[in-house]
PDB file of all heavy atoms in Angstrom:
ATOM      1  N   ALA A   1     -31.999  44.222  45.171  1.00  0.00           N
ATOM      2  CA  ALA A   1     -31.791  43.668  43.829  1.00  0.00           C
ATOM      3  C   ALA A   1     -32.398  44.580  42.773  1.00  0.00           C
ATOM      4  O   ALA A   1     -31.799  44.805  41.701  1.00  0.00           O
ATOM      5  CB  ALA A   1     -32.398  42.274  43.743  1.00  0.00           C
ATOM      6  N   ALA A   2     -33.581  45.121  43.051  1.00  0.00           N
ATOM      7  CA  ALA A   2     -34.236  46.017  42.090  1.00  0.00           C
ATOM      8  C   ALA A   2     -33.432  47.301  41.910  1.00  0.00           C
ATOM      9  O   ALA A   2     -33.345  47.839  40.793  1.00  0.00           O
ATOM     10  CB  ALA A   2     -35.649  46.336  42.568  1.00  0.00           C
ATOM     11  N   ILE A   3     -32.847  47.805  42.995  1.00  0.00           N
ATOM     12  CA  ILE A   3     -32.004  49.001  42.886  1.00  0.00           C
ATOM     13  C   ILE A   3     -30.774  48.703  42.038  1.00  0.00           C
ATOM     14  O   ILE A   3     -30.386  49.482  41.165  1.00  0.00           O
ATOM     15  CB  ILE A   3     -31.599  49.508  44.280  1.00  0.00           C
ATOM     16  CG1 ILE A   3     -32.827  50.037  45.031  1.00  0.00           C
ATOM     17  CG2 ILE A   3     -30.537  50.593  44.186  1.00  0.00           C
ATOM     18  CD1 ILE A   3     -32.559  50.420  46.477  1.00  0.00           C
ATOM     19  N   ALA A   4     -30.150  47.543  42.279  1.00  0.00           N
ATOM     20  CA  ALA A   4     -28.962  47.157  41.505  1.00  0.00           C
ATOM     21  C   ALA A   4     -29.294  46.982  40.024  1.00  0.00           C
ATOM     22  O   ALA A   4     -28.485  47.342  39.153  1.00  0.00           O
ATOM     23  CB  ALA A   4     -28.366  45.879  42.082  1.00  0.00           C
ATOM     24  N   ASP A   5     -30.478  46.440  39.747  1.00  0.00           N
ATOM     25  CA  ASP A   5     -30.890  46.210  38.354  1.00  0.00           C
ATOM     26  C   ASP A   5     -31.574  47.429  37.739  1.00  0.00           C
ATOM     27  O   ASP A   5     -31.975  47.369  36.569  1.00  0.00           O
ATOM     28  CB  ASP A   5     -31.857  45.014  38.287  1.00  0.00           C
ATOM     29  CG  ASP A   5     -31.188  43.711  38.699  1.00  0.00           C
ATOM     30  OD1 ASP A   5     -29.950  43.639  38.614  1.00  0.00           O
ATOM     31  OD2 ASP A   5     -31.915  42.789  39.111  1.00  0.00           O
ATOM     32  N   ARG A   6     -31.747  48.492  38.558  1.00  0.00           N
ATOM     33  CA  ARG A   6     -32.435  49.711  38.107  1.00  0.00           C
ATOM     34  C   ARG A   6     -33.830  49.381  37.580  1.00  0.00           C
ATOM     35  O   ARG A   6     -34.281  49.894  36.556  1.00  0.00           O
ATOM     36  CB  ARG A   6     -31.604  50.437  37.040  1.00  0.00           C
ATOM     37  CG  ARG A   6     -30.207  50.795  37.505  1.00  0.00           C
ATOM     38  CD  ARG A   6     -29.443  51.606  36.458  1.00  0.00           C
ATOM     39  NE  ARG A   6     -30.078  52.911  36.226  1.00  0.00           N
ATOM     40  CZ  ARG A   6     -29.895  53.985  37.000  1.00  0.00           C
ATOM     41  NH1 ARG A   6     -29.100  53.902  38.058  1.00  0.00           N
ATOM     42  NH2 ARG A   6     -30.496  55.126  36.714  1.00  0.00           N
ATOM     43  N   ASP A   7     -34.504  48.507  38.320  1.00  0.00           N
ATOM     44  CA  ASP A   7     -35.851  48.070  37.950  1.00  0.00           C
ATOM     45  C   ASP A   7     -36.862  49.091  38.502  1.00  0.00           C
ATOM     46  O   ASP A   7     -37.428  48.914  39.585  1.00  0.00           O
ATOM     47  CB  ASP A   7     -36.114  46.668  38.511  1.00  0.00           C
ATOM     48  CG  ASP A   7     -37.407  46.065  37.987  1.00  0.00           C
ATOM     49  OD1 ASP A   7     -38.226  46.821  37.424  1.00  0.00           O
ATOM     50  OD2 ASP A   7     -37.606  44.845  38.145  1.00  0.00           O
ATOM     51  N   VAL A   8     -37.101  50.155  37.749  1.00  0.00           N
ATOM     52  CA  VAL A   8     -37.942  51.247  38.218  1.00  0.00           C
ATOM     53  C   VAL A   8     -39.389  50.802  38.411  1.00  0.00           C
ATOM     54  O   VAL A   8     -40.056  51.202  39.382  1.00  0.00           O
ATOM     55  CB  VAL A   8     -37.870  52.426  37.227  1.00  0.00           C
ATOM     56  CG1 VAL A   8     -38.793  53.561  37.682  1.00  0.00           C
ATOM     57  CG2 VAL A   8     -36.448  52.937  37.114  1.00  0.00           C
ATOM     58  N   LEU A   9     -39.891  49.966  37.512  1.00  0.00           N
ATOM     59  CA  LEU A   9     -41.276  49.521  37.613  1.00  0.00           C
ATOM     60  C   LEU A   9     -41.513  48.754  38.914  1.00  0.00           C
ATOM     61  O   LEU A   9     -42.510  48.962  39.607  1.00  0.00           O
ATOM     62  CB  LEU A   9     -41.642  48.650  36.408  1.00  0.00           C
ATOM     63  CG  LEU A   9     -41.704  49.364  35.057  1.00  0.00           C
ATOM     64  CD1 LEU A   9     -42.025  48.368  33.939  1.00  0.00           C
ATOM     65  CD2 LEU A   9     -42.756  50.478  35.080  1.00  0.00           C
ATOM     66  N   PHE A  10     -40.591  47.856  39.267  1.00  0.00           N
ATOM     67  CA  PHE A  10     -40.735  47.074  40.501  1.00  0.00           C
ATOM     68  C   PHE A  10     -40.664  48.004  41.715  1.00  0.00           C
ATOM     69  O   PHE A  10     -41.450  47.872  42.660  1.00  0.00           O
ATOM     70  CB  PHE A  10     -39.636  46.018  40.575  1.00  0.00           C
ATOM     71  CG  PHE A  10     -39.680  45.193  41.837  1.00  0.00           C
ATOM     72  CD1 PHE A  10     -40.516  44.084  41.931  1.00  0.00           C
ATOM     73  CD2 PHE A  10     -38.907  45.524  42.936  1.00  0.00           C
ATOM     74  CE1 PHE A  10     -40.564  43.329  43.094  1.00  0.00           C
ATOM     75  CE2 PHE A  10     -38.948  44.779  44.099  1.00  0.00           C
ATOM     76  CZ  PHE A  10     -39.782  43.674  44.173  1.00  0.00           C
ATOM     77  N   LEU A  11     -39.735  48.946  41.697  1.00  0.00           N
ATOM     78  CA  LEU A  11     -39.580  49.858  42.826  1.00  0.00           C
ATOM     79  C   LEU A  11     -40.820  50.726  43.011  1.00  0.00           C
ATOM     80  O   LEU A  11     -41.272  50.954  44.137  1.00  0.00           O
ATOM     81  CB  LEU A  11     -38.350  50.735  42.627  1.00  0.00           C
ATOM     82  CG  LEU A  11     -36.998  50.010  42.733  1.00  0.00           C
ATOM     83  CD1 LEU A  11     -35.858  50.947  42.366  1.00  0.00           C
ATOM     84  CD2 LEU A  11     -36.788  49.459  44.144  1.00  0.00           C
ATOM     85  N   ARG A  12     -41.368  51.214  41.916  1.00  0.00           N
ATOM     86  CA  ARG A  12     -42.580  52.020  42.032  1.00  0.00           C
ATOM     87  C   ARG A  12     -43.742  51.192  42.567  1.00  0.00           C
ATOM     88  O   ARG A  12     -44.532  51.675  43.383  1.00  0.00           O
ATOM     89  CB  ARG A  12     -42.940  52.610  40.662  1.00  0.00           C
ATOM     90  CG  ARG A  12     -42.030  53.747  40.232  1.00  0.00           C
ATOM     91  CD  ARG A  12     -42.389  54.273  38.863  1.00  0.00           C
ATOM     92  NE  ARG A  12     -41.571  55.426  38.509  1.00  0.00           N
ATOM     93  CZ  ARG A  12     -41.551  55.981  37.311  1.00  0.00           C
ATOM     94  NH1 ARG A  12     -42.331  55.500  36.346  1.00  0.00           N
ATOM     95  NH2 ARG A  12     -40.776  57.022  37.080  1.00  0.00           N
ATOM     96  N   ASP A  13     -43.828  49.945  42.138  1.00  0.00           N
ATOM     97  CA  ASP A  13     -44.905  49.072  42.595  1.00  0.00           C
ATOM     98  C   ASP A  13     -44.777  48.770  44.084  1.00  0.00           C
ATOM     99  O   ASP A  13     -45.775  48.676  44.802  1.00  0.00           O
ATOM    100  CB  ASP A  13     -44.900  47.776  41.778  1.00  0.00           C
ATOM    101  CG  ASP A  13     -45.983  46.809  42.240  1.00  0.00           C
ATOM    102  OD1 ASP A  13     -47.174  47.147  42.070  1.00  0.00           O
ATOM    103  OD2 ASP A  13     -45.638  45.740  42.777  1.00  0.00           O
ATOM    104  N   GLN A  14     -43.543  48.634  44.565  1.00  0.00           N
ATOM    105  CA  GLN A  14     -43.314  48.218  45.952  1.00  0.00           C
ATOM    106  C   GLN A  14     -43.166  49.394  46.924  1.00  0.00           C
ATOM    107  O   GLN A  14     -43.544  49.291  48.083  1.00  0.00           O
ATOM    108  CB  GLN A  14     -42.052  47.345  46.026  1.00  0.00           C
ATOM    109  CG  GLN A  14     -42.187  45.996  45.354  1.00  0.00           C
ATOM    110  CD  GLN A  14     -43.185  45.104  46.070  1.00  0.00           C
ATOM    111  OE1 GLN A  14     -43.199  45.028  47.293  1.00  0.00           O
ATOM    112  NE2 GLN A  14     -44.034  44.426  45.299  1.00  0.00           N
ATOM    113  N   VAL A  15     -42.596  50.492  46.461  1.00  0.00           N
ATOM    114  CA  VAL A  15     -42.224  51.582  47.371  1.00  0.00           C
ATOM    115  C   VAL A  15     -43.257  52.701  47.415  1.00  0.00           C
ATOM    116  O   VAL A  15     -43.560  53.235  48.483  1.00  0.00           O
ATOM    117  CB  VAL A  15     -40.838  52.138  46.983  1.00  0.00           C
ATOM    118  CG1 VAL A  15     -40.474  53.334  47.864  1.00  0.00           C
ATOM    119  CG2 VAL A  15     -39.781  51.046  47.095  1.00  0.00           C
ATOM    120  N   ILE A  16     -43.809  53.075  46.254  1.00  0.00           N
ATOM    121  CA  ILE A  16     -44.741  54.209  46.225  1.00  0.00           C
ATOM    122  C   ILE A  16     -45.953  54.003  47.131  1.00  0.00           C
ATOM    123  O   ILE A  16     -46.392  54.943  47.808  1.00  0.00           O
ATOM    124  CB  ILE A  16     -45.183  54.497  44.769  1.00  0.00           C
ATOM    125  CG1 ILE A  16     -43.996  55.038  43.970  1.00  0.00           C
ATOM    126  CG2 ILE A  16     -46.336  55.497  44.736  1.00  0.00           C
ATOM    127  CD1 ILE A  16     -44.301  55.280  42.500  1.00  0.00           C
ATOM    128  N   PRO A  17     -46.532  52.791  47.246  1.00  0.00           N
ATOM    129  CA  PRO A  17     -47.700  52.618  48.143  1.00  0.00           C
ATOM    130  C   PRO A  17     -47.370  52.705  49.629  1.00  0.00           C
ATOM    131  O   PRO A  17     -48.282  52.764  50.461  1.00  0.00           O
ATOM    132  CB  PRO A  17     -48.202  51.207  47.793  1.00  0.00           C
ATOM    133  CG  PRO A  17     -47.615  50.878  46.464  1.00  0.00           C
ATOM    134  CD  PRO A  17     -46.301  51.567  46.436  1.00  0.00           C
ATOM    135  N   LEU A  18     -46.083  52.713  49.996  1.00  0.00           N
ATOM    136  CA  LEU A  18     -45.714  52.708  51.414  1.00  0.00           C
ATOM    137  C   LEU A  18     -46.125  54.006  52.098  1.00  0.00           C
ATOM    138  O   LEU A  18     -46.069  55.090  51.507  1.00  0.00           O
ATOM    139  CB  LEU A  18     -44.203  52.512  51.570  1.00  0.00           C
ATOM    140  CG  LEU A  18     -43.601  51.183  51.093  1.00  0.00           C
ATOM    141  CD1 LEU A  18     -42.093  51.186  51.322  1.00  0.00           C
ATOM    142  CD2 LEU A  18     -44.244  50.002  51.813  1.00  0.00           C
ATOM    143  N   HIS A  19     -46.516  53.877  53.358  1.00  0.00           N
ATOM    144  CA  HIS A  19     -46.754  55.053  54.186  1.00  0.00           C
ATOM    145  C   HIS A  19     -45.412  55.745  54.425  1.00  0.00           C
ATOM    146  O   HIS A  19     -44.360  55.119  54.367  1.00  0.00           O
ATOM    147  CB  HIS A  19     -47.389  54.630  55.513  1.00  0.00           C
ATOM    148  CG  HIS A  19     -47.783  55.777  56.389  1.00  0.00           C
ATOM    149  ND1 HIS A  19     -46.928  56.327  57.318  1.00  0.00           N
ATOM    150  CD2 HIS A  19     -48.943  56.480  56.481  1.00  0.00           C
ATOM    151  CE1 HIS A  19     -47.545  57.319  57.951  1.00  0.00           C
ATOM    152  NE2 HIS A  19     -48.770  57.431  57.449  1.00  0.00           N
ATOM    153  N   GLU A  20     -45.451  57.039  54.700  1.00  0.00           N
ATOM    154  CA  GLU A  20     -44.205  57.789  54.879  1.00  0.00           C
ATOM    155  C   GLU A  20     -43.331  57.213  55.995  1.00  0.00           C
ATOM    156  O   GLU A  20     -42.090  57.201  55.891  1.00  0.00           O
ATOM    157  CB  GLU A  20     -44.505  59.262  55.162  1.00  0.00           C
ATOM    158  CG  GLU A  20     -45.334  59.497  56.414  1.00  0.00           C
ATOM    159  CD  GLU A  20     -45.884  60.910  56.476  1.00  0.00           C
ATOM    160  OE1 GLU A  20     -46.588  61.315  55.546  1.00  0.00           O
ATOM    161  OE2 GLU A  20     -45.600  61.592  57.480  1.00  0.00           O
ATOM    162  N   SER A  21     -43.961  56.706  57.057  1.00  0.00           N
ATOM    163  CA  SER A  21     -43.176  56.113  58.140  1.00  0.00           C
ATOM    164  C   SER A  21     -42.537  54.796  57.705  1.00  0.00           C
ATOM    165  O   SER A  21     -41.411  54.476  58.107  1.00  0.00           O
ATOM    166  CB  SER A  21     -44.062  55.880  59.368  1.00  0.00           C
ATOM    167  OG  SER A  21     -45.093  54.950  59.088  1.00  0.00           O
ATOM    168  N   GLU A  22     -43.248  54.028  56.872  1.00  0.00           N
ATOM    169  CA  GLU A  22     -42.686  52.777  56.351  1.00  0.00           C
ATOM    170  C   GLU A  22     -41.527  53.060  55.406  1.00  0.00           C
ATOM    171  O   GLU A  22     -40.494  52.369  55.454  1.00  0.00           O
ATOM    172  CB  GLU A  22     -43.776  51.978  55.623  1.00  0.00           C
ATOM    173  CG  GLU A  22     -44.904  51.511  56.533  1.00  0.00           C
ATOM    174  CD  GLU A  22     -46.042  50.862  55.775  1.00  0.00           C
ATOM    175  OE1 GLU A  22     -46.244  51.184  54.586  1.00  0.00           O
ATOM    176  OE2 GLU A  22     -46.754  50.026  56.366  1.00  0.00           O
ATOM    177  N   LEU A  23     -41.685  54.080  54.567  1.00  0.00           N
ATOM    178  CA  LEU A  23     -40.596  54.458  53.673  1.00  0.00           C
ATOM    179  C   LEU A  23     -39.400  54.949  54.478  1.00  0.00           C
ATOM    180  O   LEU A  23     -38.242  54.682  54.122  1.00  0.00           O
ATOM    181  CB  LEU A  23     -41.073  55.541  52.699  1.00  0.00           C
ATOM    182  CG  LEU A  23     -40.040  56.065  51.693  1.00  0.00           C
ATOM    183  CD1 LEU A  23     -39.399  54.918  50.918  1.00  0.00           C
ATOM    184  CD2 LEU A  23     -40.683  57.071  50.740  1.00  0.00           C
ATOM    185  N   GLY A  24     -39.663  55.652  55.575  1.00  0.00           N
ATOM    186  CA  GLY A  24     -38.580  56.091  56.445  1.00  0.00           C
ATOM    187  C   GLY A  24     -37.813  54.909  57.027  1.00  0.00           C
ATOM    188  O   GLY A  24     -36.578  54.911  57.073  1.00  0.00           O
ATOM    189  N   ASP A  25     -38.529  53.882  57.478  1.00  0.00           N
ATOM    190  CA  ASP A  25     -37.874  52.679  58.004  1.00  0.00           C
ATOM    191  C   ASP A  25     -37.047  51.992  56.918  1.00  0.00           C
ATOM    192  O   ASP A  25     -35.947  51.486  57.189  1.00  0.00           O
ATOM    193  CB  ASP A  25     -38.914  51.698  58.548  1.00  0.00           C
ATOM    194  CG  ASP A  25     -39.541  52.175  59.845  1.00  0.00           C
ATOM    195  OD1 ASP A  25     -38.944  53.069  60.487  1.00  0.00           O
ATOM    196  OD2 ASP A  25     -40.615  51.681  60.213  1.00  0.00           O
ATOM    197  N   LEU A  26     -37.580  51.965  55.703  1.00  0.00           N
ATOM    198  CA  LEU A  26     -36.847  51.354  54.587  1.00  0.00           C
ATOM    199  C   LEU A  26     -35.558  52.122  54.308  1.00  0.00           C
ATOM    200  O   LEU A  26     -34.489  51.518  54.113  1.00  0.00           O
ATOM    201  CB  LEU A  26     -37.727  51.320  53.344  1.00  0.00           C
ATOM    202  CG  LEU A  26     -37.070  50.822  52.040  1.00  0.00           C
ATOM    203  CD1 LEU A  26     -36.575  49.384  52.207  1.00  0.00           C
ATOM    204  CD2 LEU A  26     -38.022  50.938  50.866  1.00  0.00           C
ATOM    205  N   LEU A  27     -35.636  53.446  54.302  1.00  0.00           N
ATOM    206  CA  LEU A  27     -34.449  54.258  54.052  1.00  0.00           C
ATOM    207  C   LEU A  27     -33.379  54.029  55.116  1.00  0.00           C
ATOM    208  O   LEU A  27     -32.177  54.045  54.819  1.00  0.00           O
ATOM    209  CB  LEU A  27     -34.827  55.736  54.005  1.00  0.00           C
ATOM    210  CG  LEU A  27     -35.682  56.177  52.811  1.00  0.00           C
ATOM    211  CD1 LEU A  27     -36.142  57.618  52.992  1.00  0.00           C
ATOM    212  CD2 LEU A  27     -34.912  56.021  51.506  1.00  0.00           C
ATOM    213  N   GLU A  28     -33.799  53.827  56.348  1.00  0.00           N
ATOM    214  CA  GLU A  28     -32.829  53.590  57.419  1.00  0.00           C
ATOM    215  C   GLU A  28     -32.246  52.185  57.356  1.00  0.00           C
ATOM    216  O   GLU A  28     -31.145  51.946  57.860  1.00  0.00           O
ATOM    217  CB  GLU A  28     -33.484  53.820  58.783  1.00  0.00           C
ATOM    218  CG  GLU A  28     -33.822  55.276  59.058  1.00  0.00           C
ATOM    219  CD  GLU A  28     -34.387  55.501  60.441  1.00  0.00           C
ATOM    220  OE1 GLU A  28     -34.980  54.563  61.012  1.00  0.00           O
ATOM    221  OE2 GLU A  28     -34.243  56.623  60.952  1.00  0.00           O
ATOM    222  N   ALA A  29     -32.967  51.252  56.737  1.00  0.00           N
ATOM    223  CA  ALA A  29     -32.527  49.855  56.714  1.00  0.00           C
ATOM    224  C   ALA A  29     -31.543  49.560  55.593  1.00  0.00           C
ATOM    225  O   ALA A  29     -30.763  48.605  55.688  1.00  0.00           O
ATOM    226  CB  ALA A  29     -33.739  48.930  56.595  1.00  0.00           C
ATOM    227  N   ILE A  30     -31.563  50.350  54.508  1.00  0.00           N
ATOM    228  CA  ILE A  30     -30.674  50.085  53.377  1.00  0.00           C
ATOM    229  C   ILE A  30     -29.411  50.929  53.505  1.00  0.00           C
ATOM    230  O   ILE A  30     -29.340  51.848  54.321  1.00  0.00           O
ATOM    231  CB  ILE A  30     -31.378  50.351  52.029  1.00  0.00           C
ATOM    232  CG1 ILE A  30     -31.854  51.810  51.937  1.00  0.00           C
ATOM    233  CG2 ILE A  30     -32.569  49.407  51.858  1.00  0.00           C
ATOM    234  CD1 ILE A  30     -32.586  52.148  50.650  1.00  0.00           C
ATOM    235  N   SER A  31     -28.423  50.615  52.678  1.00  0.00           N
ATOM    236  CA  SER A  31     -27.136  51.319  52.755  1.00  0.00           C
ATOM    237  C   SER A  31     -27.239  52.710  52.146  1.00  0.00           C
ATOM    238  O   SER A  31     -28.208  53.040  51.447  1.00  0.00           O
ATOM    239  CB  SER A  31     -26.067  50.515  52.021  1.00  0.00           C
ATOM    240  OG  SER A  31     -26.340  50.467  50.625  1.00  0.00           O
ATOM    241  N   GLY A  32     -26.215  53.527  52.409  1.00  0.00           N
ATOM    242  CA  GLY A  32     -26.221  54.891  51.904  1.00  0.00           C
ATOM    243  C   GLY A  32     -26.269  54.966  50.390  1.00  0.00           C
ATOM    244  O   GLY A  32     -27.012  55.777  49.820  1.00  0.00           O
ATOM    245  N   SER A  33     -25.500  54.130  49.729  1.00  0.00           N
ATOM    246  CA  SER A  33     -25.505  54.140  48.260  1.00  0.00           C
ATOM    247  C   SER A  33     -26.851  53.699  47.704  1.00  0.00           C
ATOM    248  O   SER A  33     -27.325  54.234  46.689  1.00  0.00           O
ATOM    249  CB  SER A  33     -24.394  53.227  47.733  1.00  0.00           C
ATOM    250  OG  SER A  33     -24.580  51.889  48.190  1.00  0.00           O
ATOM    251  N   GLN A  34     -27.491  52.740  48.379  1.00  0.00           N
ATOM    252  CA  GLN A  34     -28.813  52.299  47.937  1.00  0.00           C
ATOM    253  C   GLN A  34     -29.851  53.392  48.136  1.00  0.00           C
ATOM    254  O   GLN A  34     -30.759  53.553  47.318  1.00  0.00           O
ATOM    255  CB  GLN A  34     -29.226  51.028  48.703  1.00  0.00           C
ATOM    256  CG  GLN A  34     -28.462  49.778  48.308  1.00  0.00           C
ATOM    257  CD  GLN A  34     -28.869  48.581  49.138  1.00  0.00           C
ATOM    258  OE1 GLN A  34     -29.120  48.689  50.342  1.00  0.00           O
ATOM    259  NE2 GLN A  34     -28.941  47.420  48.507  1.00  0.00           N
ATOM    260  N   ARG A  35     -29.714  54.164  49.229  1.00  0.00           N
ATOM    261  CA  ARG A  35     -30.648  55.266  49.471  1.00  0.00           C
ATOM    262  C   ARG A  35     -30.581  56.286  48.334  1.00  0.00           C
ATOM    263  O   ARG A  35     -31.611  56.722  47.810  1.00  0.00           O
ATOM    264  CB  ARG A  35     -30.331  55.950  50.807  1.00  0.00           C
ATOM    265  CG  ARG A  35     -30.851  55.227  52.026  1.00  0.00           C
ATOM    266  CD  ARG A  35     -30.792  56.114  53.252  1.00  0.00           C
ATOM    267  NE  ARG A  35     -29.431  56.296  53.724  1.00  0.00           N
ATOM    268  CZ  ARG A  35     -28.833  55.538  54.629  1.00  0.00           C
ATOM    269  NH1 ARG A  35     -29.483  54.515  55.156  1.00  0.00           N
ATOM    270  NH2 ARG A  35     -27.604  55.782  55.028  1.00  0.00           N
ATOM    271  N   GLN A  36     -29.371  56.684  47.993  1.00  0.00           N
ATOM    272  CA  GLN A  36     -29.215  57.670  46.933  1.00  0.00           C
ATOM    273  C   GLN A  36     -29.783  57.153  45.615  1.00  0.00           C
ATOM    274  O   GLN A  36     -30.459  57.886  44.878  1.00  0.00           O
ATOM    275  CB  GLN A  36     -27.719  58.027  46.764  1.00  0.00           C
ATOM    276  CG  GLN A  36     -27.072  58.607  48.008  1.00  0.00           C
ATOM    277  CD  GLN A  36     -27.654  59.949  48.399  1.00  0.00           C
ATOM    278  OE1 GLN A  36     -28.343  60.589  47.603  1.00  0.00           O
ATOM    279  NE2 GLN A  36     -27.406  60.380  49.624  1.00  0.00           N
ATOM    280  N   ALA A  37     -29.517  55.872  45.319  1.00  0.00           N
ATOM    281  CA  ALA A  37     -30.002  55.296  44.064  1.00  0.00           C
ATOM    282  C   ALA A  37     -31.519  55.188  44.062  1.00  0.00           C
ATOM    283  O   ALA A  37     -32.168  55.456  43.042  1.00  0.00           O
ATOM    284  CB  ALA A  37     -29.374  53.917  43.858  1.00  0.00           C
ATOM    285  N   LEU A  38     -32.116  54.828  45.213  1.00  0.00           N
ATOM    286  CA  LEU A  38     -33.564  54.697  45.299  1.00  0.00           C
ATOM    287  C   LEU A  38     -34.245  56.039  45.061  1.00  0.00           C
ATOM    288  O   LEU A  38     -35.222  56.129  44.305  1.00  0.00           O
ATOM    289  CB  LEU A  38     -33.960  54.139  46.668  1.00  0.00           C
ATOM    290  CG  LEU A  38     -35.460  54.003  46.941  1.00  0.00           C
ATOM    291  CD1 LEU A  38     -36.102  53.037  45.953  1.00  0.00           C
ATOM    292  CD2 LEU A  38     -35.713  53.545  48.376  1.00  0.00           C
ATOM    293  N   VAL A  39     -33.736  57.091  45.676  1.00  0.00           N
ATOM    294  CA  VAL A  39     -34.311  58.421  45.493  1.00  0.00           C
ATOM    295  C   VAL A  39     -34.205  58.852  44.036  1.00  0.00           C
ATOM    296  O   VAL A  39     -35.150  59.408  43.457  1.00  0.00           O
ATOM    297  CB  VAL A  39     -33.613  59.447  46.416  1.00  0.00           C
ATOM    298  CG1 VAL A  39     -34.108  60.855  46.119  1.00  0.00           C
ATOM    299  CG2 VAL A  39     -33.855  59.103  47.878  1.00  0.00           C
ATOM    300  N   ALA A  40     -33.060  58.584  43.429  1.00  0.00           N
ATOM    301  CA  ALA A  40     -32.861  58.971  42.029  1.00  0.00           C
ATOM    302  C   ALA A  40     -33.782  58.194  41.099  1.00  0.00           C
ATOM    303  O   ALA A  40     -34.367  58.758  40.159  1.00  0.00           O
ATOM    304  CB  ALA A  40     -31.399  58.755  41.638  1.00  0.00           C
ATOM    305  N   LEU A  41     -33.946  56.893  41.347  1.00  0.00           N
ATOM    306  CA  LEU A  41     -34.776  56.063  40.470  1.00  0.00           C
ATOM    307  C   LEU A  41     -36.252  56.421  40.588  1.00  0.00           C
ATOM    308  O   LEU A  41     -36.991  56.390  39.598  1.00  0.00           O
ATOM    309  CB  LEU A  41     -34.564  54.581  40.804  1.00  0.00           C
ATOM    310  CG  LEU A  41     -33.194  54.001  40.409  1.00  0.00           C
ATOM    311  CD1 LEU A  41     -33.008  52.608  40.999  1.00  0.00           C
ATOM    312  CD2 LEU A  41     -33.049  53.949  38.887  1.00  0.00           C
ATOM    313  N   LEU A  42     -36.703  56.756  41.802  1.00  0.00           N
ATOM    314  CA  LEU A  42     -38.114  57.126  41.974  1.00  0.00           C
ATOM    315  C   LEU A  42     -38.407  58.516  41.425  1.00  0.00           C
ATOM    316  O   LEU A  42     -39.531  58.797  41.001  1.00  0.00           O
ATOM    317  CB  LEU A  42     -38.499  57.054  43.454  1.00  0.00           C
ATOM    318  CG  LEU A  42     -38.558  55.656  44.077  1.00  0.00           C
ATOM    319  CD1 LEU A  42     -38.899  55.753  45.557  1.00  0.00           C
ATOM    320  CD2 LEU A  42     -39.577  54.773  43.355  1.00  0.00           C
TER     321      LEU A  42
END
């Protein structure tokens, strides 16, 4: 939902503290379009 709404503040609050392995699991769990958008927004 945050990716769809381009909510950068929420994404930074939730994603930046993740360990690299946790972020890797997140990237594998979301769709390809969401991955590209997440990388761009961060």
